[in-house]
Protein backbone atom coordinates (compact mmCIF):
# COMPACT_ATOMS: atom_id res chain seq x y z
CA MET A 1 32.10 13.66 -26.02
CA PHE A 2 28.77 14.07 -27.77
CA SER A 3 27.55 16.37 -25.00
CA LEU A 4 30.55 18.66 -25.47
CA LEU A 5 29.95 18.84 -29.22
CA LEU A 6 26.31 19.62 -28.59
CA LEU A 7 27.28 22.33 -26.11
CA LEU A 8 29.75 23.81 -28.57
CA SER A 9 27.14 23.87 -31.35
CA VAL A 10 24.63 25.59 -29.03
CA CYS A 11 27.23 28.24 -28.14
CA VAL A 12 28.14 28.85 -31.81
CA GLY A 13 24.47 29.01 -32.75
CA TYR A 14 23.78 31.51 -29.98
CA TYR A 15 26.77 33.61 -31.11
CA TYR A 16 25.47 33.88 -34.68
CA LEU A 17 21.92 34.47 -33.49
CA ASN A 18 23.22 37.28 -31.29
CA GLN A 19 25.09 38.78 -34.28
CA TRP A 20 21.95 38.95 -36.45
CA TYR A 21 19.42 39.63 -33.68
CA PRO A 22 21.10 41.36 -30.72
CA ARG A 23 20.01 40.18 -27.29
CA ASP A 24 19.66 42.00 -23.97
CA THR A 25 22.48 41.83 -21.45
CA LYS A 26 20.16 40.05 -19.01
CA GLU A 27 19.50 37.27 -21.51
CA GLN A 28 23.23 36.90 -22.21
CA ILE A 29 23.93 36.55 -18.49
CA TYR A 30 21.25 33.85 -18.18
CA PHE A 31 22.73 32.04 -21.19
CA GLY A 32 26.21 32.20 -19.65
CA ILE A 33 24.95 30.83 -16.35
CA SER A 34 23.10 27.98 -18.06
CA ILE A 35 26.21 27.08 -20.09
CA SER A 36 28.29 27.10 -16.89
CA VAL A 37 25.83 24.76 -15.17
CA TRP A 38 25.78 22.53 -18.23
CA LEU A 39 29.61 22.34 -18.25
CA PHE A 40 29.62 21.51 -14.53
CA ILE A 41 27.12 18.67 -15.03
CA ILE A 42 29.15 17.32 -17.98
CA TYR A 43 32.27 17.42 -15.79
CA LEU A 44 30.55 15.55 -12.97
CA LEU A 45 29.14 12.89 -15.26
CA ASN A 46 32.42 12.30 -17.09
CA PHE A 47 35.03 12.62 -14.35
CA GLN A 48 33.24 12.08 -11.05
CA GLU A 49 31.22 8.91 -11.64
CA ARG A 50 31.89 7.56 -8.16
CA PHE A 51 30.58 10.75 -6.53
CA ILE A 52 27.45 10.75 -8.71
CA TYR A 53 26.86 7.06 -8.01
CA ARG A 54 27.15 7.55 -4.24
CA MET A 55 24.90 10.61 -4.35
CA PHE A 56 22.13 8.82 -6.25
CA THR A 57 22.37 5.68 -4.09
CA GLN A 58 21.99 7.82 -0.96
CA ILE A 59 18.98 9.56 -2.48
CA TYR A 60 17.50 6.17 -3.36
CA ASP A 61 18.14 4.83 0.17
CA ILE A 62 16.54 7.89 1.73
CA GLN A 63 13.44 7.48 -0.42
CA LYS A 64 13.13 3.82 0.66
CA LYS A 65 13.14 4.73 4.37
CA PRO A 66 9.83 5.13 6.18
CA LEU A 67 8.72 8.69 6.81
CA TYR A 68 9.09 8.48 10.59
CA ASP A 69 12.22 6.34 10.77
CA LEU A 70 14.25 7.24 13.84
CA SER A 71 17.22 4.96 13.22
CA ASP A 72 19.57 7.92 12.64
CA PHE A 73 19.11 9.05 16.23
CA ILE A 74 19.87 5.66 17.77
CA ASP A 75 23.17 4.95 19.51
CA LYS A 76 24.67 2.09 17.52
CA ASP A 77 26.85 0.82 20.37
CA LYS A 78 23.87 -0.28 22.49
CA ASP A 79 23.38 -4.06 22.48
CA ASN A 80 21.06 -4.28 25.45
CA GLU A 81 17.84 -6.25 24.88
CA SER A 82 15.85 -3.98 27.17
CA TYR A 83 17.11 -0.99 25.20
CA ASP A 84 15.81 -2.54 21.97
CA PHE A 85 12.50 -3.42 23.61
CA ASN A 86 12.07 0.10 25.01
CA LEU A 87 12.96 1.54 21.61
CA MET A 88 10.37 -0.66 19.92
CA LEU A 89 7.72 0.46 22.40
CA LEU A 90 8.74 4.09 21.92
CA GLN A 91 8.41 3.83 18.14
CA ASN A 92 5.01 2.15 18.52
CA GLN A 93 3.94 5.12 20.65
CA GLY A 94 5.02 7.53 17.92
CA SER A 95 8.14 8.60 19.89
CA ARG A 96 5.96 10.28 22.49
CA CYS A 97 5.60 9.84 26.22
CA GLY A 98 2.73 7.53 27.19
CA SER A 99 1.41 10.02 29.77
CA CYS A 100 2.06 13.59 28.67
CA ASN A 101 2.71 13.07 24.91
CA ASN A 102 6.02 14.95 25.03
CA PHE A 103 8.42 13.97 22.24
CA ILE A 104 11.22 11.59 23.32
CA LEU A 105 14.33 11.16 21.19
CA PRO A 106 15.69 7.61 20.93
CA LYS A 107 19.06 8.76 22.30
CA ASP A 108 17.25 9.87 25.50
CA ILE A 109 15.59 6.52 26.07
CA LYS A 110 18.08 5.67 28.82
CA TYR A 111 16.36 8.31 31.00
CA THR A 112 12.88 6.91 30.45
CA SER A 113 11.12 4.07 32.22
CA LEU A 114 8.39 1.54 31.53
CA ASN A 115 5.02 1.76 33.24
CA TYR A 116 1.76 -0.10 32.88
CA LYS A 117 -1.09 1.63 31.09
CA VAL A 118 -3.53 -0.11 33.42
CA PRO A 119 -1.84 -1.07 36.72
CA LEU A 120 -1.76 -4.75 37.57
CA ASN A 121 -3.72 -4.24 40.80
CA ASN A 122 -6.52 -2.60 38.76
CA GLY A 123 -6.87 -5.60 36.45
CA GLY A 124 -4.21 -4.73 33.90
CA LEU A 125 -2.57 -7.50 31.93
CA HIS A 126 1.02 -8.55 32.46
CA ASP A 127 1.67 -8.21 28.73
CA HIS A 128 3.72 -5.99 26.42
CA THR A 129 0.52 -4.42 25.08
CA ASN A 130 -0.11 -2.96 28.55
CA LEU A 131 3.33 -1.27 28.72
CA MET A 132 4.17 2.32 27.87
CA VAL A 133 7.38 4.36 27.85
CA VAL A 134 7.19 7.47 30.01
CA CYS A 135 9.55 10.43 30.23
CA PRO A 136 11.49 11.21 33.44
CA ASN A 137 9.03 13.94 34.45
CA CYS A 138 6.05 11.59 34.29
CA ASN A 139 8.02 8.83 35.99
CA THR A 140 8.34 10.93 39.16
CA GLU A 141 4.53 11.20 39.32
CA PHE A 142 4.19 7.43 39.72
CA TYR A 143 6.43 7.29 42.79
C-alpha cells in the first residue's frame, strides 16, 4: 500500500513540475515507461508472491550449481551402474573424448566406450585412473 502511495505522490509531483517547468516529449515518454514498470513490479510483489518466490529460488539454485555442471543433459531414467561410472569418467575428462578431445554430451554416453590410456600389455594399470571414455569414431581405431 505504501508503494502505491509513493507512486501516486511521484506522479502528482511530476505533474506539477511539468506545469511549472515544461518537459520534452521524450522525457515524458521515459517517465511513463518507468511508471509502467514500477506498477508492474508492485503488482508482481503484491499479487504474485508464489511466482516471485519460485523465480528467486530458481535463480539461487542456478547460482549454487558448478559452472560446468552437466546434470541437465543426463537421462534421469538410467539406473545402470556402468552408466554412472562412465558419466563420472566423462565429467573428470571435461566432457571430452580421451583420444581426439571432441566434446561428448552426457546423453550420448551410450555410444561411447571405455579404453585404457596405457594398454595393459604395455604395463598399464588395471585401475580406474587408467581408463578413458572415447567417442565412437575413436573406438573404431582401436579395433
